[in-house]
Amino acid sequence: MKHSFLWNAGCYLVSGATLVTLVACAPVPIKSTPPVSQTQGASNPKFAESIPFVLPTQGHVIYRFDGKTRKGIGIGGADGTPVVAAADGVVVHAGTLRGYGNMIILKHNEVFLTAYAHNRKLLVSEDQRVTAGQKIAEMGSAASDVTKLHFEMRKRGVAVDPETYLTFSGTNPPRAKTP
């Protein structure tokens, strides 16, 4: 099955285990993602602007989203630490991607995508449905010099700060280690 989705302000097509950038459609939004009114989003989960997201792994935040060079957060931990789906969704990519190593991309609805990078082992396959909290990978250091999970979120194709959407067990997210 082929999936198309908006990632890094470019249009991508996934076919099998290959993630292909379609440069020609980079400035054009995906047609399957229409504008959504507040009432449509509230009544239809397919277009929900707010869904519950859980922390995808245990560890400490080693870097935070800045919207420029950091399009996500880094969560450091031990090799093999479980990585879980942050919310219910469908796997649209499970494979390697340059700079991200072993990576999973989940499509949660027409609004949100999440990405889980640098994994040691992927435990899901494309087109598979997953539930929030389901183990999807094991933390690793693929395409990285440190064991971590690089976690990104896209809202309508635009990178957003995952920490504003994640539910943490305490009142505050784990603190980033200072360099």
Foldseek 3Di string as FASTA:
>chain_A
DKDWAFAPLFIWIDDFQDIDTDRVCSPPADPVQDDDDPVRLVVDVLNPPADAFAQQFDAAWADFDDQPPQLETKGADDWFTFGWGRAKFFWNHAQQDAQFFGKTWTDRHSFKIKMKGQFPFAQDGGRDIHGHPHGGTTFHHGNHPGTIITMWMGTSNGRDTVLVRYDDPDPHHHHHDDD
